[in-house]
Amino acid sequence: MTPVDVVLIGRNEGARLVAALASIRGAARQVVYVDSGSTDDSLAEARRAGATVVALDLGCPFTAARARNAGFAALSEPQFVQFIDGDCALVPGYLGRARAHLEDNPKTGLVTGWRSEIRRDASLYNQLADFEWRRPAGEILACGGDMMVRAEAFRAVGGFDPTVIAAEDDEFCTRLRKAGWRLERIPQEMTRHDADMHRFGQWWTRAVRTGHGFAQVGALHPEYFTKERRRVLVYGLALPLVIAGGLLWWPLAPLGLAVYAANYLRTVRGLRREGLPRGEALRHGLLLALSKIPNLIGMATYHWRRGRNAQMRIIEYK
């Protein structure tokens, strides 16, 4: 049976990290916790749980990609590595199912499962995050940071790109696919996540970070995130300019608003087809329509940083 090791990354996760460590206990051969400058008791809690602790150098910008690479490097002769974010708890039995899938499918370089929110209905923003996680099983283009990776595949592509501050998992997955590896989501519960988003400002900042990822990963892989970037430019930039143009010629404003309304209704219908209740679909549709503006800010932030050769620093929403 192929051994499974776990790399857990975090920063000031508090009780969430304690729960994550408890969920891993006894399930893996090696557990490495990588800390990105926590000021709480994260390091002590990880040591208390028996994990190998890696504290990242404070002199370099923190990124999830950098943390995962450091965790992988700290493992002894890894074969299958499960990466987990510090605000997630592992679902019992998942590691065994993911391991079996990799053992049975040697061309598969990465396996993921279903992530769900621990407190889904605590806020509209948690609900939206929960919906984002629930994607169909089968072959996939990319997944989030909770994933089991074949060490051979990880090494073949050089791990994560530590300069990518958002959507680093998409970027990593894209290089895996280009290297000929298959990526799959199996129909199994994998982790329980605690987004802990209760304020509009948290959601807005998260959407800014998402836009930064669209731009940065798109610059590295122009064929990826093309639809997402196009939507942001249309609904986050072009249409607001059309509406603003109504100050000069009034018919432009209602025209732009009508396009927004049509897009909103189309989004709601799509959410309803995917199984969301009507009330949730109406509310989620508003956030998805509005998200193009902070996405645009994130994209502009990336291009501003790139143009000035500035450091790509993480954008934290909690």
C-alpha atoms as a PDB file:
ATOM      1  CA  MET A   1       0.000   0.000   0.000  1.00  0.00           C
ATOM      2  CA  THR A   2       1.434   3.377  -1.036  1.00  0.00           C
ATOM      3  CA  PRO A   3       2.056   5.678   1.938  1.00  0.00           C
ATOM      4  CA  VAL A   4       0.267   9.036   2.049  1.00  0.00           C
ATOM      5  CA  ASP A   5       1.799  12.153   3.576  1.00  0.00           C
ATOM      6  CA  VAL A   6      -0.009  15.389   4.405  1.00  0.00           C
ATOM      7  CA  VAL A   7       1.137  18.982   3.970  1.00  0.00           C
ATOM      8  CA  LEU A   8      -0.972  21.467   5.902  1.00  0.00           C
ATOM      9  CA  ILE A   9      -0.491  25.204   5.397  1.00  0.00           C
ATOM     10  CA  GLY A  10      -1.848  28.084   7.449  1.00  0.00           C
ATOM     11  CA  ARG A  11      -1.593  31.516   9.009  1.00  0.00           C
ATOM     12  CA  ASN A  12      -3.408  32.532  12.198  1.00  0.00           C
ATOM     13  CA  GLU A  13      -6.108  29.888  11.750  1.00  0.00           C
ATOM     14  CA  GLY A  14      -6.610  29.328  15.500  1.00  0.00           C
ATOM     15  CA  ALA A  15      -9.317  26.786  16.281  1.00  0.00           C
ATOM     16  CA  ARG A  16      -9.624  25.913  12.587  1.00  0.00           C
ATOM     17  CA  LEU A  17      -6.023  24.676  12.569  1.00  0.00           C
ATOM     18  CA  VAL A  18      -6.599  22.633  15.734  1.00  0.00           C
ATOM     19  CA  ALA A  19      -9.552  20.947  14.011  1.00  0.00           C
ATOM     20  CA  ALA A  20      -7.507  20.362  10.851  1.00  0.00           C
ATOM     21  CA  LEU A  21      -4.684  18.726  12.811  1.00  0.00           C
ATOM     22  CA  ALA A  22      -7.139  16.554  14.743  1.00  0.00           C
ATOM     23  CA  SER A  23      -8.762  15.359  11.497  1.00  0.00           C
ATOM     24  CA  ILE A  24      -5.394  14.164  10.159  1.00  0.00           C
ATOM     25  CA  ARG A  25      -4.215  12.368  13.309  1.00  0.00           C
ATOM     26  CA  GLY A  26      -3.349   8.755  12.522  1.00  0.00           C
ATOM     27  CA  ALA A  27      -4.386   9.017   8.883  1.00  0.00           C
ATOM     28  CA  ALA A  28      -1.018   9.779   7.270  1.00  0.00           C
ATOM     29  CA  ARG A  29       2.583   8.594   7.489  1.00  0.00           C
ATOM     30  CA  GLN A  30       4.061  12.115   7.794  1.00  0.00           C
ATOM     31  CA  VAL A  31       2.351  15.409   8.603  1.00  0.00           C
ATOM     32  CA  VAL A  32       4.102  18.711   7.864  1.00  0.00           C
ATOM     33  CA  TYR A  33       2.630  22.033   8.937  1.00  0.00           C
ATOM     34  CA  VAL A  34       3.947  25.124   7.139  1.00  0.00           C
ATOM     35  CA  ASP A  35       3.298  28.441   8.857  1.00  0.00           C
ATOM     36  CA  SER A  36       3.254  31.814   7.095  1.00  0.00           C
ATOM     37  CA  GLY A  37       4.053  34.188   9.930  1.00  0.00           C
ATOM     38  CA  SER A  38       1.282  33.390  12.429  1.00  0.00           C
ATOM     39  CA  THR A  39       1.071  35.497  15.569  1.00  0.00           C
ATOM     40  CA  ASP A  40      -1.321  33.144  17.387  1.00  0.00           C
ATOM     41  CA  ASP A  41      -0.577  29.695  18.854  1.00  0.00           C
ATOM     42  CA  SER A  42      -0.478  27.903  15.484  1.00  0.00           C
ATOM     43  CA  LEU A  43       3.140  26.754  15.764  1.00  0.00           C
ATOM     44  CA  ALA A  44       2.665  25.415  19.283  1.00  0.00           C
ATOM     45  CA  GLU A  45      -0.571  23.643  18.357  1.00  0.00           C
ATOM     46  CA  ALA A  46       1.067  21.961  15.374  1.00  0.00           C
ATOM     47  CA  ARG A  47       3.995  20.750  17.461  1.00  0.00           C
ATOM     48  CA  ARG A  48       1.601  19.543  20.156  1.00  0.00           C
ATOM     49  CA  ALA A  49      -0.206  17.488  17.505  1.00  0.00           C
ATOM     50  CA  GLY A  50       3.060  15.854  16.452  1.00  0.00           C
ATOM     51  CA  ALA A  51       3.468  17.573  13.106  1.00  0.00           C
ATOM     52  CA  THR A  52       6.812  18.583  11.646  1.00  0.00           C
ATOM     53  CA  VAL A  53       6.741  22.388  11.655  1.00  0.00           C
ATOM     54  CA  VAL A  54       8.224  24.623   8.964  1.00  0.00           C
ATOM     55  CA  ALA A  55       8.140  28.367   9.613  1.00  0.00           C
ATOM     56  CA  LEU A  56       8.612  30.366   6.433  1.00  0.00           C
ATOM     57  CA  ASP A  57      11.260  33.083   6.327  1.00  0.00           C
ATOM     58  CA  LEU A  58       9.586  36.406   7.102  1.00  0.00           C
ATOM     59  CA  GLY A  59      11.913  38.189   4.683  1.00  0.00           C
ATOM     60  CA  CYS A  60      10.134  36.856   1.574  1.00  0.00           C
ATOM     61  CA  PRO A  61       6.507  37.501   0.566  1.00  0.00           C
ATOM     62  CA  PHE A  62       4.164  34.751   1.740  1.00  0.00           C
ATOM     63  CA  THR A  63       2.185  32.761  -0.808  1.00  0.00           C
ATOM     64  CA  ALA A  64       0.251  29.511  -0.512  1.00  0.00           C
ATOM     65  CA  ALA A  65       2.374  28.165  -3.370  1.00  0.00           C
ATOM     66  CA  ARG A  66       5.591  28.885  -1.492  1.00  0.00           C
ATOM     67  CA  ALA A  67       4.195  27.228   1.634  1.00  0.00           C
ATOM     68  CA  ARG A  68       3.155  24.064  -0.208  1.00  0.00           C
ATOM     69  CA  ASN A  69       6.562  23.768  -1.867  1.00  0.00           C
ATOM     70  CA  ALA A  70       8.261  24.111   1.521  1.00  0.00           C
ATOM     71  CA  GLY A  71       6.019  21.429   2.972  1.00  0.00           C
ATOM     72  CA  PHE A  72       6.755  19.032   0.137  1.00  0.00           C
ATOM     73  CA  ALA A  73      10.503  19.657   0.537  1.00  0.00           C
ATOM     74  CA  ALA A  74      10.281  18.754   4.239  1.00  0.00           C
ATOM     75  CA  LEU A  75       8.847  15.287   3.525  1.00  0.00           C
ATOM     76  CA  SER A  76      11.033  12.198   3.494  1.00  0.00           C
ATOM     77  CA  GLU A  77      10.662  10.183   0.272  1.00  0.00           C
ATOM     78  CA  PRO A  78       7.055  11.162  -0.467  1.00  0.00           C
ATOM     79  CA  GLN A  79       4.969   9.198  -2.960  1.00  0.00           C
ATOM     80  CA  PHE A  80       1.400  10.499  -2.576  1.00  0.00           C
ATOM     81  CA  VAL A  81       0.975  13.897  -0.905  1.00  0.00           C
ATOM     82  CA  GLN A  82      -2.322  15.358   0.298  1.00  0.00           C
ATOM     83  CA  PHE A  83      -2.261  19.151   0.496  1.00  0.00           C
ATOM     84  CA  ILE A  84      -4.781  20.751   2.865  1.00  0.00           C
ATOM     85  CA  ASP A  85      -5.403  24.362   3.788  1.00  0.00           C
ATOM     86  CA  GLY A  86      -5.336  25.217   7.480  1.00  0.00           C
ATOM     87  CA  ASP A  87      -9.019  26.191   7.550  1.00  0.00           C
ATOM     88  CA  CYS A  88     -10.116  22.721   6.411  1.00  0.00           C
ATOM     89  CA  ALA A  89     -10.780  19.447   8.219  1.00  0.00           C
ATOM     90  CA  LEU A  90     -10.207  16.134   6.458  1.00  0.00           C
ATOM     91  CA  VAL A  91     -13.231  13.854   6.050  1.00  0.00           C
ATOM     92  CA  PRO A  92     -12.549  10.354   7.479  1.00  0.00           C
ATOM     93  CA  GLY A  93     -11.873   7.734   4.825  1.00  0.00           C
ATOM     94  CA  TYR A  94     -11.032  10.149   2.037  1.00  0.00           C
ATOM     95  CA  LEU A  95      -7.263   9.573   2.024  1.00  0.00           C
ATOM     96  CA  GLY A  96      -7.749   5.853   1.463  1.00  0.00           C
ATOM     97  CA  ARG A  97     -10.138   6.373  -1.437  1.00  0.00           C
ATOM     98  CA  ALA A  98      -7.916   8.970  -3.106  1.00  0.00           C
ATOM     99  CA  ARG A  99      -4.847   6.771  -2.639  1.00  0.00           C
ATOM    100  CA  ALA A 100      -6.637   3.783  -4.188  1.00  0.00           C
ATOM    101  CA  HIS A 101      -7.618   5.901  -7.180  1.00  0.00           C
ATOM    102  CA  LEU A 102      -4.025   7.014  -7.793  1.00  0.00           C
ATOM    103  CA  GLU A 103      -2.774   3.448  -7.379  1.00  0.00           C
ATOM    104  CA  ASP A 104      -5.313   2.180  -9.926  1.00  0.00           C
ATOM    105  CA  ASN A 105      -4.680   4.990 -12.433  1.00  0.00           C
ATOM    106  CA  PRO A 106      -0.946   5.524 -13.042  1.00  0.00           C
ATOM    107  CA  LYS A 107      -1.569   8.290 -15.605  1.00  0.00           C
ATOM    108  CA  THR A 108      -3.466  10.340 -13.034  1.00  0.00           C
ATOM    109  CA  GLY A 109      -1.207  12.883 -11.380  1.00  0.00           C
ATOM    110  CA  LEU A 110      -3.746  14.531  -9.102  1.00  0.00           C
ATOM    111  CA  VAL A 111      -6.961  13.588  -7.335  1.00  0.00           C
ATOM    112  CA  THR A 112      -9.383  15.815  -5.496  1.00  0.00           C
ATOM    113  CA  GLY A 113     -12.823  15.373  -3.988  1.00  0.00           C
ATOM    114  CA  TRP A 114     -15.666  17.518  -2.690  1.00  0.00           C
ATOM    115  CA  ARG A 115     -15.076  20.366  -0.273  1.00  0.00           C
ATOM    116  CA  SER A 116     -18.041  21.767   1.649  1.00  0.00           C
ATOM    117  CA  GLU A 117     -18.621  24.558   4.134  1.00  0.00           C
ATOM    118  CA  ILE A 118     -18.846  23.694   7.830  1.00  0.00           C
ATOM    119  CA  ARG A 119     -21.255  26.584   8.454  1.00  0.00           C
ATOM    120  CA  ARG A 120     -22.815  26.921   5.058  1.00  0.00           C
ATOM    121  CA  ASP A 121     -25.859  28.917   6.139  1.00  0.00           C
ATOM    122  CA  ALA A 122     -24.063  31.252   8.554  1.00  0.00           C
ATOM    123  CA  SER A 123     -23.889  33.870   5.807  1.00  0.00           C
ATOM    124  CA  LEU A 124     -24.703  34.461   2.162  1.00  0.00           C
ATOM    125  CA  TYR A 125     -20.963  34.525   1.460  1.00  0.00           C
ATOM    126  CA  ASN A 126     -20.453  31.091   3.012  1.00  0.00           C
ATOM    127  CA  GLN A 127     -23.310  29.773   0.893  1.00  0.00           C
ATOM    128  CA  LEU A 128     -21.691  31.105  -2.252  1.00  0.00           C
ATOM    129  CA  ALA A 129     -18.336  29.544  -1.332  1.00  0.00           C
ATOM    130  CA  ASP A 130     -20.029  26.196  -0.679  1.00  0.00           C
ATOM    131  CA  PHE A 131     -21.652  26.334  -4.115  1.00  0.00           C
ATOM    132  CA  GLU A 132     -18.286  27.097  -5.752  1.00  0.00           C
ATOM    133  CA  TRP A 133     -16.718  23.989  -4.196  1.00  0.00           C
ATOM    134  CA  ARG A 134     -19.394  21.561  -5.409  1.00  0.00           C
ATOM    135  CA  ARG A 135     -18.289  20.703  -8.936  1.00  0.00           C
ATOM    136  CA  PRO A 136     -19.027  17.513 -10.952  1.00  0.00           C
ATOM    137  CA  ALA A 137     -16.826  14.445 -10.562  1.00  0.00           C
ATOM    138  CA  GLY A 138     -14.682  13.176 -13.422  1.00  0.00           C
ATOM    139  CA  GLU A 139     -11.747  14.543 -15.380  1.00  0.00           C
ATOM    140  CA  ILE A 140     -11.098  18.212 -14.543  1.00  0.00           C
ATOM    141  CA  LEU A 141      -8.985  21.118 -15.732  1.00  0.00           C
ATOM    142  CA  ALA A 142      -8.063  22.339 -12.244  1.00  0.00           C
ATOM    143  CA  CYS A 143      -9.069  22.289  -8.584  1.00  0.00           C
ATOM    144  CA  GLY A 144      -8.546  24.174  -5.349  1.00  0.00           C
ATOM    145  CA  GLY A 145      -5.704  23.759  -2.880  1.00  0.00           C
ATOM    146  CA  ASP A 146      -7.036  20.569  -1.262  1.00  0.00           C
ATOM    147  CA  MET A 147      -5.592  17.847  -3.499  1.00  0.00           C
ATOM    148  CA  MET A 148      -3.680  14.578  -3.448  1.00  0.00           C
ATOM    149  CA  VAL A 149      -0.702  14.727  -5.813  1.00  0.00           C
ATOM    150  CA  ARG A 150       1.601  12.022  -7.079  1.00  0.00           C
ATOM    151  CA  ALA A 151       5.094  13.068  -5.961  1.00  0.00           C
ATOM    152  CA  GLU A 152       6.513  12.047  -9.343  1.00  0.00           C
ATOM    153  CA  ALA A 153       4.146  14.484 -11.071  1.00  0.00           C
ATOM    154  CA  PHE A 154       4.879  17.240  -8.556  1.00  0.00           C
ATOM    155  CA  ARG A 155       8.606  16.974  -9.185  1.00  0.00           C
ATOM    156  CA  ALA A 156       8.158  16.723 -12.947  1.00  0.00           C
ATOM    157  CA  VAL A 157       6.584  20.178 -13.163  1.00  0.00           C
ATOM    158  CA  GLY A 158       8.682  21.800 -10.439  1.00  0.00           C
ATOM    159  CA  GLY A 159       5.895  22.137  -7.889  1.00  0.00           C
ATOM    160  CA  PHE A 160       3.895  25.323  -7.415  1.00  0.00           C
ATOM    161  CA  ASP A 161       5.014  28.685  -8.761  1.00  0.00           C
ATOM    162  CA  PRO A 162       5.793  30.667  -5.570  1.00  0.00           C
ATOM    163  CA  THR A 163       5.297  34.018  -7.334  1.00  0.00           C
ATOM    164  CA  VAL A 164       1.600  33.339  -8.043  1.00  0.00           C
ATOM    165  CA  ILE A 165      -0.415  34.839  -5.182  1.00  0.00           C
ATOM    166  CA  ALA A 166      -3.926  33.717  -6.187  1.00  0.00           C
ATOM    167  CA  ALA A 167      -5.215  30.794  -8.270  1.00  0.00           C
ATOM    168  CA  GLU A 168      -1.805  29.182  -7.774  1.00  0.00           C
ATOM    169  CA  ASP A 169      -3.621  25.845  -7.739  1.00  0.00           C
ATOM    170  CA  ASP A 170      -5.088  26.537 -11.201  1.00  0.00           C
ATOM    171  CA  GLU A 171      -1.629  27.442 -12.475  1.00  0.00           C
ATOM    172  CA  PHE A 172      -0.105  24.262 -11.014  1.00  0.00           C
ATOM    173  CA  CYS A 173      -2.890  22.123 -12.470  1.00  0.00           C
ATOM    174  CA  THR A 174      -2.439  23.716 -15.886  1.00  0.00           C
ATOM    175  CA  ARG A 175       1.248  22.747 -15.949  1.00  0.00           C
ATOM    176  CA  LEU A 176       0.365  19.208 -14.835  1.00  0.00           C
ATOM    177  CA  ARG A 177      -2.077  18.843 -17.730  1.00  0.00           C
ATOM    178  CA  LYS A 178       0.437  20.258 -20.200  1.00  0.00           C
ATOM    179  CA  ALA A 179       2.955  17.698 -18.955  1.00  0.00           C
ATOM    180  CA  GLY A 180       0.521  14.912 -19.875  1.00  0.00           C
ATOM    181  CA  TRP A 181      -0.955  14.058 -16.476  1.00  0.00           C
ATOM    182  CA  ARG A 182      -4.642  13.405 -15.948  1.00  0.00           C
ATOM    183  CA  LEU A 183      -6.483  15.328 -13.200  1.00  0.00           C
ATOM    184  CA  GLU A 184      -9.637  13.911 -11.615  1.00  0.00           C
ATOM    185  CA  ARG A 185     -12.295  14.691  -9.046  1.00  0.00           C
ATOM    186  CA  ILE A 186     -13.698  11.591  -7.419  1.00  0.00           C
ATOM    187  CA  PRO A 187     -17.259  11.560  -6.020  1.00  0.00           C
ATOM    188  CA  GLN A 188     -16.158  11.572  -2.380  1.00  0.00           C
ATOM    189  CA  GLU A 189     -16.395  14.081   0.440  1.00  0.00           C
ATOM    190  CA  MET A 190     -12.851  15.335   1.003  1.00  0.00           C
ATOM    191  CA  THR A 191     -12.654  18.310   3.376  1.00  0.00           C
ATOM    192  CA  ARG A 192     -14.907  20.559   5.415  1.00  0.00           C
ATOM    193  CA  HIS A 193     -13.959  24.219   4.976  1.00  0.00           C
ATOM    194  CA  ASP A 194     -14.584  27.220   7.197  1.00  0.00           C
ATOM    195  CA  ALA A 195     -14.702  30.310   4.981  1.00  0.00           C
ATOM    196  CA  ASP A 196     -15.777  32.388   7.997  1.00  0.00           C
ATOM    197  CA  MET A 197     -17.035  35.198   5.753  1.00  0.00           C
ATOM    198  CA  HIS A 198     -19.682  37.338   7.412  1.00  0.00           C
ATOM    199  CA  ARG A 199     -18.994  40.819   6.035  1.00  0.00           C
ATOM    200  CA  PHE A 200     -19.402  42.295   2.593  1.00  0.00           C
ATOM    201  CA  GLY A 201     -15.855  43.648   2.774  1.00  0.00           C
ATOM    202  CA  GLN A 202     -14.437  40.125   3.181  1.00  0.00           C
ATOM    203  CA  TRP A 203     -16.292  38.925   0.111  1.00  0.00           C
ATOM    204  CA  TRP A 204     -15.187  41.990  -1.874  1.00  0.00           C
ATOM    205  CA  THR A 205     -11.504  41.458  -0.990  1.00  0.00           C
ATOM    206  CA  ARG A 206     -11.769  37.780  -1.906  1.00  0.00           C
ATOM    207  CA  ALA A 207     -13.205  38.793  -5.288  1.00  0.00           C
ATOM    208  CA  VAL A 208     -10.317  41.240  -5.790  1.00  0.00           C
ATOM    209  CA  ARG A 209      -7.906  38.375  -5.122  1.00  0.00           C
ATOM    210  CA  THR A 210      -9.771  36.220  -7.629  1.00  0.00           C
ATOM    211  CA  GLY A 211      -9.357  38.902 -10.291  1.00  0.00           C
ATOM    212  CA  HIS A 212      -5.645  39.099  -9.550  1.00  0.00           C
ATOM    213  CA  GLY A 213      -5.488  35.347 -10.167  1.00  0.00           C
ATOM    214  CA  PHE A 214      -7.352  35.681 -13.483  1.00  0.00           C
ATOM    215  CA  ALA A 215      -4.752  38.161 -14.700  1.00  0.00           C
ATOM    216  CA  GLN A 216      -1.594  36.573 -13.316  1.00  0.00           C
ATOM    217  CA  VAL A 217      -2.397  33.012 -14.354  1.00  0.00           C
ATOM    218  CA  GLY A 218      -3.692  34.330 -17.679  1.00  0.00           C
ATOM    219  CA  ALA A 219      -0.352  36.025 -18.276  1.00  0.00           C
ATOM    220  CA  LEU A 220       1.430  32.700 -17.699  1.00  0.00           C
ATOM    221  CA  HIS A 221      -1.099  30.603 -19.631  1.00  0.00           C
ATOM    222  CA  PRO A 222      -3.008  32.841 -22.103  1.00  0.00           C
ATOM    223  CA  GLU A 223      -5.426  30.056 -23.014  1.00  0.00           C
ATOM    224  CA  TYR A 224      -6.632  29.736 -19.408  1.00  0.00           C
ATOM    225  CA  PHE A 225      -9.218  31.966 -17.676  1.00  0.00           C
ATOM    226  CA  THR A 226     -10.029  33.526 -21.076  1.00  0.00           C
ATOM    227  CA  LYS A 227     -13.808  33.519 -20.525  1.00  0.00           C
ATOM    228  CA  GLU A 228     -13.407  34.850 -17.009  1.00  0.00           C
ATOM    229  CA  ARG A 229     -11.202  37.743 -18.117  1.00  0.00           C
ATOM    230  CA  ARG A 230     -13.553  38.549 -20.988  1.00  0.00           C
ATOM    231  CA  ARG A 231     -16.566  38.691 -18.667  1.00  0.00           C
ATOM    232  CA  VAL A 232     -14.715  41.001 -16.290  1.00  0.00           C
ATOM    233  CA  LEU A 233     -13.796  43.373 -19.106  1.00  0.00           C
ATOM    234  CA  VAL A 234     -17.355  43.406 -20.437  1.00  0.00           C
ATOM    235  CA  TYR A 235     -19.359  43.607 -17.202  1.00  0.00           C
ATOM    236  CA  GLY A 236     -16.764  45.267 -14.968  1.00  0.00           C
ATOM    237  CA  LEU A 237     -15.380  47.842 -17.391  1.00  0.00           C
ATOM    238  CA  ALA A 238     -17.199  48.246 -20.723  1.00  0.00           C
ATOM    239  CA  LEU A 239     -20.767  48.364 -19.398  1.00  0.00           C
ATOM    240  CA  PRO A 240     -19.997  50.799 -16.548  1.00  0.00           C
ATOM    241  CA  LEU A 241     -18.399  53.064 -19.173  1.00  0.00           C
ATOM    242  CA  VAL A 242     -21.503  52.763 -21.344  1.00  0.00           C
ATOM    243  CA  ILE A 243     -23.723  53.699 -18.389  1.00  0.00           C
ATOM    244  CA  ALA A 244     -21.440  56.613 -17.521  1.00  0.00           C
ATOM    245  CA  GLY A 245     -21.746  57.676 -21.141  1.00  0.00           C
ATOM    246  CA  GLY A 246     -25.410  58.296 -20.394  1.00  0.00           C
ATOM    247  CA  LEU A 247     -24.288  61.615 -18.936  1.00  0.00           C
ATOM    248  CA  LEU A 248     -23.483  62.654 -22.496  1.00  0.00           C
ATOM    249  CA  TRP A 249     -26.232  60.771 -24.330  1.00  0.00           C
ATOM    250  CA  TRP A 250     -29.012  59.516 -22.099  1.00  0.00           C
ATOM    251  CA  PRO A 251     -30.055  56.328 -24.053  1.00  0.00           C
ATOM    252  CA  LEU A 252     -26.717  54.710 -23.176  1.00  0.00           C
ATOM    253  CA  ALA A 253     -27.562  54.392 -19.472  1.00  0.00           C
ATOM    254  CA  PRO A 254     -30.782  52.329 -19.830  1.00  0.00           C
ATOM    255  CA  LEU A 255     -29.106  50.250 -22.542  1.00  0.00           C
ATOM    256  CA  GLY A 256     -26.242  49.309 -20.224  1.00  0.00           C
ATOM    257  CA  LEU A 257     -28.613  48.596 -17.338  1.00  0.00           C
ATOM    258  CA  ALA A 258     -30.743  46.380 -19.590  1.00  0.00           C
ATOM    259  CA  VAL A 259     -27.679  44.303 -20.489  1.00  0.00           C
ATOM    260  CA  TYR A 260     -26.861  43.955 -16.789  1.00  0.00           C
ATOM    261  CA  ALA A 261     -30.443  42.850 -16.062  1.00  0.00           C
ATOM    262  CA  ALA A 262     -30.370  40.266 -18.841  1.00  0.00           C
ATOM    263  CA  ASN A 263     -27.061  38.886 -17.588  1.00  0.00           C
ATOM    264  CA  TYR A 264     -28.402  38.711 -14.029  1.00  0.00           C
ATOM    265  CA  LEU A 265     -31.501  36.786 -15.092  1.00  0.00           C
ATOM    266  CA  ARG A 266     -29.394  34.402 -17.184  1.00  0.00           C
ATOM    267  CA  THR A 267     -27.134  33.798 -14.171  1.00  0.00           C
ATOM    268  CA  VAL A 268     -30.103  33.105 -11.895  1.00  0.00           C
ATOM    269  CA  ARG A 269     -31.552  30.616 -14.368  1.00  0.00           C
ATOM    270  CA  GLY A 270     -28.184  28.845 -14.531  1.00  0.00           C
ATOM    271  CA  LEU A 271     -27.967  28.652 -10.738  1.00  0.00           C
ATOM    272  CA  ARG A 272     -31.486  27.250 -10.545  1.00  0.00           C
ATOM    273  CA  ARG A 273     -30.602  24.569 -13.125  1.00  0.00           C
ATOM    274  CA  GLU A 274     -27.655  23.590 -10.916  1.00  0.00           C
ATOM    275  CA  GLY A 275     -30.008  22.999  -8.007  1.00  0.00           C
ATOM    276  CA  LEU A 276     -29.967  26.191  -5.928  1.00  0.00           C
ATOM    277  CA  PRO A 277     -33.269  27.206  -4.291  1.00  0.00           C
ATOM    278  CA  ARG A 278     -34.888  30.265  -5.862  1.00  0.00           C
ATOM    279  CA  GLY A 279     -34.080  32.625  -2.987  1.00  0.00           C
ATOM    280  CA  GLU A 280     -30.430  31.633  -2.911  1.00  0.00           C
ATOM    281  CA  ALA A 281     -30.150  31.827  -6.687  1.00  0.00           C
ATOM    282  CA  LEU A 282     -31.506  35.392  -6.653  1.00  0.00           C
ATOM    283  CA  ARG A 283     -29.061  36.507  -3.964  1.00  0.00           C
ATOM    284  CA  HIS A 284     -26.073  34.628  -5.364  1.00  0.00           C
ATOM    285  CA  GLY A 285     -26.817  36.058  -8.802  1.00  0.00           C
ATOM    286  CA  LEU A 286     -26.464  39.579  -7.432  1.00  0.00           C
ATOM    287  CA  LEU A 287     -23.062  38.818  -5.929  1.00  0.00           C
ATOM    288  CA  LEU A 288     -21.864  37.107  -9.086  1.00  0.00           C
ATOM    289  CA  ALA A 289     -22.943  40.085 -11.191  1.00  0.00           C
ATOM    290  CA  LEU A 290     -21.313  42.552  -8.814  1.00  0.00           C
ATOM    291  CA  SER A 291     -18.117  40.484  -8.521  1.00  0.00           C
ATOM    292  CA  LYS A 292     -16.889  41.663 -11.922  1.00  0.00           C
ATOM    293  CA  ILE A 293     -16.026  45.073 -10.442  1.00  0.00           C
ATOM    294  CA  PRO A 294     -13.689  43.822  -7.671  1.00  0.00           C
ATOM    295  CA  ASN A 295     -12.392  41.256 -10.174  1.00  0.00           C
ATOM    296  CA  LEU A 296     -11.453  44.164 -12.430  1.00  0.00           C
ATOM    297  CA  ILE A 297      -9.676  45.873  -9.533  1.00  0.00           C
ATOM    298  CA  GLY A 298      -7.704  42.677  -8.928  1.00  0.00           C
ATOM    299  CA  MET A 299      -6.762  42.377 -12.600  1.00  0.00           C
ATOM    300  CA  ALA A 300      -5.683  46.016 -12.680  1.00  0.00           C
ATOM    301  CA  THR A 301      -3.665  45.502  -9.494  1.00  0.00           C
ATOM    302  CA  TYR A 302      -1.743  42.666 -11.116  1.00  0.00           C
ATOM    303  CA  HIS A 303      -0.961  44.673 -14.261  1.00  0.00           C
ATOM    304  CA  TRP A 304       0.029  47.701 -12.158  1.00  0.00           C
ATOM    305  CA  ARG A 305       2.393  45.556 -10.096  1.00  0.00           C
ATOM    306  CA  ARG A 306       3.800  43.882 -13.176  1.00  0.00           C
ATOM    307  CA  GLY A 307       4.337  47.192 -14.931  1.00  0.00           C
ATOM    308  CA  ARG A 308       6.223  48.588 -11.944  1.00  0.00           C
ATOM    309  CA  ASN A 309       8.085  45.312 -11.341  1.00  0.00           C
ATOM    310  CA  ALA A 310       6.620  45.346  -7.830  1.00  0.00           C
ATOM    311  CA  GLN A 311       6.359  42.327  -5.537  1.00  0.00           C
ATOM    312  CA  MET A 312       3.262  40.159  -5.863  1.00  0.00           C
ATOM    313  CA  ARG A 313       1.982  40.204  -2.281  1.00  0.00           C
ATOM    314  CA  ILE A 314      -0.923  38.132  -1.042  1.00  0.00           C
ATOM    315  CA  ILE A 315      -4.412  39.626  -0.733  1.00  0.00           C
ATOM    316  CA  GLU A 316      -6.011  38.404   2.513  1.00  0.00           C
ATOM    317  CA  TYR A 317      -9.744  38.483   3.128  1.00  0.00           C
ATOM    318  CA  LYS A 318      -9.734  37.154   6.703  1.00  0.00           C
END
